[in-house]
Amino acid sequence: ETSLEDQILQVLESSRNLRPSLGIQDTDSEGILSLQSRQDIDITDMLWSVLSKAVSFSELSDAFNFLFQTILAEEIRPFIYNGNQSNMAVILRELLRTGHVPDLSGAKPLTLLIEMGLEKLKRDSSHYLLSGDLASKEA
């Protein structure tokens, strides 16, 4: 099994080339729009998929520290969707701007993970409803 650190490195490598796309949405074999075709995927979506696999608070905290240190050491500038205002997105933007690793004391790592999951759920749900014409987007 691949370690969390290896999976984080894979996400960071993928994020180097990640940019918003405006392509045609994919459908699955039954003609139903797939959640995989969501266009506003950014690094926080990918990170949630990896970090949610942490089996302990300690492992989660270590993974966040590894993530932030690697971004700085490798000078990675991951794509963050402009509309993503989660605390993780704010922290990543600040990290890129200042080079300072955020304070991860207390329950902060768990809070960040939960917020990333909620943001992903919100965008996945919105995409599903809008792409299936089950709702309309209002300004």
N, C-alpha and C. Protein backbone atom coordinates (compact mmCIF):
# COMPACT_ATOMS: atom_id res chain seq x y z
N GLU A 1 0.84 -1.19 0.00
CA GLU A 1 0.00 0.00 0.00
C GLU A 1 0.89 1.25 0.00
N THR A 2 0.48 2.23 -0.74
CA THR A 2 1.24 3.47 -0.88
C THR A 2 1.06 4.33 0.37
N SER A 3 2.14 4.90 0.88
CA SER A 3 2.06 5.74 2.07
C SER A 3 1.36 7.06 1.75
N LEU A 4 0.87 7.73 2.81
CA LEU A 4 0.23 9.03 2.62
C LEU A 4 1.20 10.02 1.98
N GLU A 5 2.46 9.96 2.40
CA GLU A 5 3.46 10.88 1.83
C GLU A 5 3.61 10.66 0.33
N ASP A 6 3.66 9.40 -0.09
CA ASP A 6 3.78 9.11 -1.52
C ASP A 6 2.54 9.59 -2.28
N GLN A 7 1.38 9.41 -1.67
CA GLN A 7 0.14 9.86 -2.31
C GLN A 7 0.10 11.39 -2.39
N ILE A 8 0.60 12.06 -1.36
CA ILE A 8 0.67 13.53 -1.38
C ILE A 8 1.60 13.98 -2.50
N LEU A 9 2.74 13.31 -2.64
CA LEU A 9 3.66 13.66 -3.73
C LEU A 9 2.99 13.48 -5.09
N GLN A 10 2.19 12.42 -5.24
CA GLN A 10 1.47 12.20 -6.50
C GLN A 10 0.47 13.33 -6.75
N VAL A 11 -0.24 13.75 -5.71
CA VAL A 11 -1.20 14.85 -5.85
C VAL A 11 -0.47 16.13 -6.23
N LEU A 12 0.64 16.40 -5.59
CA LEU A 12 1.39 17.63 -5.91
C LEU A 12 1.91 17.60 -7.33
N GLU A 13 2.36 16.43 -7.77
CA GLU A 13 2.83 16.31 -9.16
C GLU A 13 1.68 16.54 -10.13
N SER A 14 0.53 15.97 -9.83
CA SER A 14 -0.65 16.17 -10.69
C SER A 14 -1.08 17.62 -10.70
N SER A 15 -0.95 18.27 -9.55
CA SER A 15 -1.42 19.66 -9.45
C SER A 15 -0.54 20.63 -10.23
N ARG A 16 0.68 20.23 -10.54
CA ARG A 16 1.54 21.11 -11.34
C ARG A 16 0.92 21.41 -12.70
N ASN A 17 0.18 20.43 -13.23
CA ASN A 17 -0.40 20.58 -14.56
C ASN A 17 -1.90 20.87 -14.54
N LEU A 18 -2.47 20.94 -13.35
CA LEU A 18 -3.91 21.12 -13.24
C LEU A 18 -4.28 22.58 -13.49
N ARG A 19 -5.21 22.77 -14.40
CA ARG A 19 -5.73 24.10 -14.71
C ARG A 19 -7.22 23.95 -14.95
N PRO A 20 -7.96 25.03 -14.79
CA PRO A 20 -9.40 24.90 -15.05
C PRO A 20 -9.63 24.55 -16.52
N SER A 21 -10.61 23.70 -16.76
CA SER A 21 -10.91 23.32 -18.13
C SER A 21 -12.38 23.60 -18.43
N LEU A 22 -12.65 23.82 -19.67
CA LEU A 22 -14.01 24.12 -20.09
C LEU A 22 -14.47 23.12 -21.14
N GLY A 23 -14.01 21.89 -20.97
CA GLY A 23 -14.31 20.86 -21.97
C GLY A 23 -15.73 20.34 -21.86
N ILE A 24 -16.06 19.43 -22.76
CA ILE A 24 -17.36 18.79 -22.76
C ILE A 24 -17.39 17.80 -21.60
N GLN A 25 -18.51 17.76 -20.91
CA GLN A 25 -18.61 16.89 -19.75
C GLN A 25 -18.75 15.44 -20.19
N ASP A 26 -18.10 14.57 -19.43
CA ASP A 26 -18.16 13.14 -19.70
C ASP A 26 -19.45 12.56 -19.14
N THR A 27 -19.89 11.50 -19.77
CA THR A 27 -21.02 10.76 -19.22
C THR A 27 -20.56 9.34 -18.97
N ASP A 28 -21.22 8.67 -18.04
CA ASP A 28 -20.84 7.29 -17.79
C ASP A 28 -21.53 6.39 -18.81
N SER A 29 -21.39 5.09 -18.64
CA SER A 29 -21.89 4.15 -19.64
C SER A 29 -23.41 4.17 -19.80
N GLU A 30 -24.12 4.70 -18.81
CA GLU A 30 -25.57 4.77 -18.89
C GLU A 30 -26.06 6.13 -19.36
N GLY A 31 -25.13 6.99 -19.73
CA GLY A 31 -25.52 8.31 -20.22
C GLY A 31 -25.80 9.31 -19.11
N ILE A 32 -25.50 8.94 -17.89
CA ILE A 32 -25.72 9.84 -16.75
C ILE A 32 -24.45 10.63 -16.54
N LEU A 33 -24.59 11.94 -16.27
CA LEU A 33 -23.41 12.76 -16.04
C LEU A 33 -22.63 12.23 -14.84
N SER A 34 -21.36 12.14 -15.02
CA SER A 34 -20.49 11.61 -13.99
C SER A 34 -19.96 12.75 -13.12
N LEU A 35 -19.86 12.49 -11.82
CA LEU A 35 -19.27 13.50 -10.93
C LEU A 35 -17.80 13.73 -11.27
N GLN A 36 -17.18 12.74 -11.93
CA GLN A 36 -15.78 12.89 -12.31
C GLN A 36 -15.59 14.01 -13.33
N SER A 37 -16.65 14.45 -13.98
CA SER A 37 -16.52 15.46 -15.03
C SER A 37 -16.60 16.88 -14.48
N ARG A 38 -16.66 17.03 -13.17
CA ARG A 38 -16.72 18.36 -12.59
C ARG A 38 -15.51 19.18 -13.04
N GLN A 39 -15.75 20.40 -13.45
CA GLN A 39 -14.69 21.21 -14.05
C GLN A 39 -13.87 22.02 -13.04
N ASP A 40 -14.39 22.22 -11.83
CA ASP A 40 -13.71 23.09 -10.87
C ASP A 40 -12.90 22.31 -9.83
N ILE A 41 -12.27 21.23 -10.27
CA ILE A 41 -11.45 20.42 -9.37
C ILE A 41 -10.12 21.13 -9.12
N ASP A 42 -9.72 21.19 -7.86
CA ASP A 42 -8.43 21.79 -7.53
C ASP A 42 -7.68 20.89 -6.56
N ILE A 43 -6.58 21.39 -6.05
CA ILE A 43 -5.73 20.57 -5.19
C ILE A 43 -6.44 20.16 -3.91
N THR A 44 -7.36 20.98 -3.40
CA THR A 44 -8.02 20.61 -2.15
C THR A 44 -8.91 19.39 -2.33
N ASP A 45 -9.52 19.23 -3.51
CA ASP A 45 -10.30 18.02 -3.80
C ASP A 45 -9.40 16.79 -3.77
N MET A 46 -8.28 16.91 -4.44
CA MET A 46 -7.35 15.78 -4.52
C MET A 46 -6.75 15.47 -3.16
N LEU A 47 -6.42 16.52 -2.40
CA LEU A 47 -5.85 16.31 -1.07
C LEU A 47 -6.85 15.65 -0.13
N TRP A 48 -8.11 16.05 -0.21
CA TRP A 48 -9.10 15.44 0.66
C TRP A 48 -9.16 13.93 0.40
N SER A 49 -9.09 13.55 -0.86
CA SER A 49 -9.15 12.13 -1.20
C SER A 49 -7.99 11.35 -0.60
N VAL A 50 -6.85 12.00 -0.43
CA VAL A 50 -5.68 11.34 0.16
C VAL A 50 -5.70 11.45 1.68
N LEU A 51 -5.86 12.67 2.19
CA LEU A 51 -5.74 12.90 3.63
C LEU A 51 -6.86 12.25 4.43
N SER A 52 -8.00 12.01 3.80
CA SER A 52 -9.11 11.36 4.50
C SER A 52 -8.78 9.90 4.82
N LYS A 53 -7.71 9.38 4.26
CA LYS A 53 -7.29 8.00 4.53
C LYS A 53 -6.39 7.89 5.76
N ALA A 54 -6.05 9.00 6.38
CA ALA A 54 -5.21 8.97 7.59
C ALA A 54 -5.91 8.16 8.66
N VAL A 55 -5.16 7.31 9.34
CA VAL A 55 -5.76 6.43 10.34
C VAL A 55 -5.65 6.96 11.77
N SER A 56 -4.93 8.07 11.93
CA SER A 56 -4.80 8.66 13.27
C SER A 56 -4.62 10.17 13.12
N PHE A 57 -4.88 10.86 14.22
CA PHE A 57 -4.68 12.31 14.23
C PHE A 57 -3.21 12.65 14.00
N SER A 58 -2.34 11.86 14.59
CA SER A 58 -0.90 12.07 14.42
C SER A 58 -0.49 11.93 12.96
N GLU A 59 -1.00 10.89 12.29
CA GLU A 59 -0.68 10.69 10.88
C GLU A 59 -1.22 11.84 10.03
N LEU A 60 -2.41 12.32 10.37
CA LEU A 60 -2.99 13.45 9.64
C LEU A 60 -2.14 14.71 9.82
N SER A 61 -1.74 14.99 11.05
CA SER A 61 -0.91 16.17 11.34
C SER A 61 0.42 16.09 10.60
N ASP A 62 1.05 14.91 10.65
CA ASP A 62 2.32 14.71 9.95
C ASP A 62 2.14 14.90 8.44
N ALA A 63 1.03 14.43 7.91
CA ALA A 63 0.77 14.55 6.47
C ALA A 63 0.61 16.01 6.06
N PHE A 64 -0.10 16.80 6.87
CA PHE A 64 -0.23 18.23 6.58
C PHE A 64 1.13 18.91 6.62
N ASN A 65 1.93 18.62 7.64
CA ASN A 65 3.27 19.21 7.73
C ASN A 65 4.13 18.82 6.52
N PHE A 66 4.07 17.55 6.14
CA PHE A 66 4.80 17.08 4.96
C PHE A 66 4.35 17.84 3.71
N LEU A 67 3.05 18.00 3.58
CA LEU A 67 2.48 18.72 2.44
C LEU A 67 3.03 20.14 2.35
N PHE A 68 2.92 20.88 3.45
CA PHE A 68 3.35 22.28 3.44
C PHE A 68 4.85 22.41 3.22
N GLN A 69 5.64 21.56 3.87
CA GLN A 69 7.09 21.60 3.70
C GLN A 69 7.50 21.26 2.26
N THR A 70 6.81 20.29 1.65
CA THR A 70 7.13 19.88 0.28
C THR A 70 6.77 20.98 -0.71
N ILE A 71 5.63 21.63 -0.51
CA ILE A 71 5.24 22.73 -1.39
C ILE A 71 6.31 23.81 -1.37
N LEU A 72 6.81 24.14 -0.19
CA LEU A 72 7.84 25.16 -0.08
C LEU A 72 9.17 24.70 -0.66
N ALA A 73 9.60 23.50 -0.30
CA ALA A 73 10.91 23.00 -0.74
C ALA A 73 10.97 22.80 -2.25
N GLU A 74 9.87 22.34 -2.83
CA GLU A 74 9.84 22.06 -4.27
C GLU A 74 9.33 23.25 -5.09
N GLU A 75 8.97 24.32 -4.39
CA GLU A 75 8.42 25.52 -5.04
C GLU A 75 7.25 25.18 -5.95
N ILE A 76 6.34 24.37 -5.43
CA ILE A 76 5.15 23.96 -6.18
C ILE A 76 4.08 25.02 -6.00
N ARG A 77 3.44 25.37 -7.10
CA ARG A 77 2.34 26.34 -7.05
C ARG A 77 1.07 25.64 -7.52
N PRO A 78 0.42 24.92 -6.60
CA PRO A 78 -0.75 24.14 -6.99
C PRO A 78 -1.92 25.01 -7.39
N PHE A 79 -2.74 24.49 -8.30
CA PHE A 79 -3.93 25.20 -8.72
C PHE A 79 -4.98 25.14 -7.62
N ILE A 80 -5.51 26.31 -7.26
CA ILE A 80 -6.59 26.42 -6.29
C ILE A 80 -7.72 27.16 -7.00
N TYR A 81 -8.85 26.49 -7.11
CA TYR A 81 -10.01 27.08 -7.77
C TYR A 81 -10.34 28.43 -7.12
N ASN A 82 -10.56 29.45 -7.94
CA ASN A 82 -10.79 30.81 -7.46
C ASN A 82 -11.96 30.91 -6.49
N GLY A 83 -13.00 30.13 -6.71
CA GLY A 83 -14.17 30.19 -5.85
C GLY A 83 -14.01 29.42 -4.55
N ASN A 84 -12.90 28.73 -4.38
CA ASN A 84 -12.68 27.93 -3.18
C ASN A 84 -12.21 28.85 -2.06
N GLN A 85 -13.09 29.08 -1.09
CA GLN A 85 -12.75 29.95 0.03
C GLN A 85 -12.62 29.17 1.34
N SER A 86 -12.41 27.86 1.24
CA SER A 86 -12.22 27.05 2.44
C SER A 86 -10.95 27.51 3.15
N ASN A 87 -10.84 27.19 4.43
CA ASN A 87 -9.64 27.56 5.17
C ASN A 87 -8.39 26.95 4.57
N MET A 88 -8.50 25.73 4.03
CA MET A 88 -7.33 25.10 3.39
C MET A 88 -6.88 25.89 2.18
N ALA A 89 -7.83 26.36 1.38
CA ALA A 89 -7.48 27.18 0.21
C ALA A 89 -6.81 28.48 0.66
N VAL A 90 -7.34 29.09 1.70
CA VAL A 90 -6.77 30.33 2.23
C VAL A 90 -5.36 30.07 2.75
N ILE A 91 -5.18 28.97 3.48
CA ILE A 91 -3.86 28.62 4.02
C ILE A 91 -2.86 28.37 2.88
N LEU A 92 -3.28 27.63 1.86
CA LEU A 92 -2.37 27.37 0.74
C LEU A 92 -1.98 28.65 0.01
N ARG A 93 -2.93 29.53 -0.20
CA ARG A 93 -2.61 30.81 -0.86
C ARG A 93 -1.63 31.62 -0.01
N GLU A 94 -1.86 31.63 1.30
CA GLU A 94 -0.97 32.35 2.22
C GLU A 94 0.42 31.72 2.24
N LEU A 95 0.48 30.40 2.23
CA LEU A 95 1.76 29.69 2.20
C LEU A 95 2.55 30.07 0.96
N LEU A 96 1.87 30.11 -0.18
CA LEU A 96 2.53 30.47 -1.43
C LEU A 96 2.98 31.92 -1.43
N ARG A 97 2.20 32.78 -0.79
CA ARG A 97 2.52 34.20 -0.79
C ARG A 97 3.65 34.54 0.19
N THR A 98 3.61 33.94 1.40
CA THR A 98 4.56 34.33 2.45
C THR A 98 5.68 33.33 2.69
N GLY A 99 5.42 32.05 2.36
CA GLY A 99 6.42 31.03 2.63
C GLY A 99 6.40 30.56 4.07
N HIS A 100 5.41 30.95 4.84
CA HIS A 100 5.32 30.53 6.25
C HIS A 100 4.38 29.35 6.41
N VAL A 101 4.87 28.31 7.07
CA VAL A 101 4.06 27.13 7.35
C VAL A 101 3.04 27.50 8.42
N PRO A 102 1.77 27.14 8.21
CA PRO A 102 0.73 27.51 9.17
C PRO A 102 0.83 26.75 10.48
N ASP A 103 0.25 27.33 11.51
CA ASP A 103 0.17 26.70 12.81
C ASP A 103 -0.86 25.57 12.75
N LEU A 104 -0.46 24.39 13.12
CA LEU A 104 -1.36 23.24 13.09
C LEU A 104 -1.63 22.71 14.50
N SER A 105 -1.65 23.61 15.47
CA SER A 105 -1.89 23.18 16.85
C SER A 105 -3.36 22.87 17.07
N GLY A 106 -3.62 22.18 18.16
CA GLY A 106 -4.99 21.83 18.52
C GLY A 106 -5.62 20.91 17.48
N ALA A 107 -6.89 21.15 17.22
CA ALA A 107 -7.65 20.30 16.29
C ALA A 107 -7.60 20.82 14.86
N LYS A 108 -6.70 21.76 14.58
CA LYS A 108 -6.64 22.38 13.25
C LYS A 108 -6.55 21.39 12.09
N PRO A 109 -5.69 20.36 12.16
CA PRO A 109 -5.63 19.41 11.03
C PRO A 109 -6.98 18.73 10.76
N LEU A 110 -7.66 18.34 11.83
CA LEU A 110 -8.95 17.68 11.66
C LEU A 110 -9.99 18.65 11.12
N THR A 111 -9.97 19.88 11.60
CA THR A 111 -10.89 20.91 11.12
C THR A 111 -10.67 21.17 9.63
N LEU A 112 -9.41 21.26 9.23
CA LEU A 112 -9.10 21.48 7.81
C LEU A 112 -9.60 20.32 6.95
N LEU A 113 -9.39 19.10 7.42
CA LEU A 113 -9.84 17.93 6.67
C LEU A 113 -11.37 17.94 6.51
N ILE A 114 -12.07 18.22 7.60
CA ILE A 114 -13.53 18.26 7.55
C ILE A 114 -14.01 19.35 6.60
N GLU A 115 -13.41 20.53 6.68
CA GLU A 115 -13.81 21.63 5.79
C GLU A 115 -13.54 21.31 4.33
N MET A 116 -12.41 20.63 4.04
CA MET A 116 -12.12 20.24 2.66
C MET A 116 -13.19 19.26 2.17
N GLY A 117 -13.58 18.33 3.02
CA GLY A 117 -14.61 17.38 2.65
C GLY A 117 -15.95 18.04 2.40
N LEU A 118 -16.31 19.00 3.25
CA LEU A 118 -17.57 19.73 3.07
C LEU A 118 -17.56 20.55 1.79
N GLU A 119 -16.43 21.20 1.50
CA GLU A 119 -16.30 22.00 0.27
C GLU A 119 -16.43 21.09 -0.95
N LYS A 120 -15.79 19.93 -0.90
CA LYS A 120 -15.87 18.97 -2.01
C LYS A 120 -17.31 18.47 -2.17
N LEU A 121 -17.95 18.14 -1.08
CA LEU A 121 -19.34 17.67 -1.12
C LEU A 121 -20.25 18.75 -1.70
N LYS A 122 -20.04 19.99 -1.29
CA LYS A 122 -20.85 21.10 -1.79
C LYS A 122 -20.68 21.28 -3.30
N ARG A 123 -19.44 21.25 -3.77
CA ARG A 123 -19.20 21.44 -5.20
C ARG A 123 -19.64 20.24 -6.02
N ASP A 124 -19.43 19.02 -5.48
CA ASP A 124 -19.90 17.82 -6.17
C ASP A 124 -21.42 17.84 -6.30
N SER A 125 -22.10 18.20 -5.21
CA SER A 125 -23.57 18.24 -5.22
C SER A 125 -24.08 19.30 -6.17
N SER A 126 -23.49 20.48 -6.12
CA SER A 126 -23.90 21.57 -7.03
C SER A 126 -23.71 21.15 -8.47
N HIS A 127 -22.57 20.54 -8.76
CA HIS A 127 -22.29 20.09 -10.12
C HIS A 127 -23.34 19.08 -10.58
N TYR A 128 -23.62 18.13 -9.72
CA TYR A 128 -24.59 17.09 -10.07
C TYR A 128 -25.97 17.70 -10.35
N LEU A 129 -26.41 18.60 -9.48
CA LEU A 129 -27.72 19.22 -9.64
C LEU A 129 -27.79 20.12 -10.87
N LEU A 130 -26.75 20.91 -11.08
CA LEU A 130 -26.73 21.84 -12.22
C LEU A 130 -26.58 21.09 -13.54
N SER A 131 -25.69 20.10 -13.58
CA SER A 131 -25.45 19.40 -14.83
C SER A 131 -26.63 18.50 -15.21
N GLY A 132 -27.41 18.10 -14.24
CA GLY A 132 -28.58 17.29 -14.51
C GLY A 132 -29.84 18.11 -14.69
N ASP A 133 -29.66 19.42 -14.81
CA ASP A 133 -30.80 20.34 -14.92
C ASP A 133 -31.82 20.16 -13.81
N LEU A 134 -31.32 19.78 -12.64
CA LEU A 134 -32.19 19.62 -11.48
C LEU A 134 -32.28 20.91 -10.67
N ALA A 135 -31.40 21.86 -11.01
CA ALA A 135 -31.38 23.16 -10.36
C ALA A 135 -30.79 24.16 -11.35
N SER A 136 -31.00 25.44 -11.10
CA SER A 136 -30.40 26.47 -11.95
C SER A 136 -29.49 27.33 -11.09
N LYS A 137 -28.46 27.83 -11.73
CA LYS A 137 -27.49 28.66 -11.03
C LYS A 137 -27.97 30.10 -11.07
N GLU A 138 -28.08 30.70 -9.91
CA GLU A 138 -28.49 32.09 -9.83
C GLU A 138 -27.33 32.92 -9.31
N ALA A 139 -27.20 34.11 -9.82
CA ALA A 139 -26.08 34.97 -9.46
C ALA A 139 -26.17 35.47 -8.04
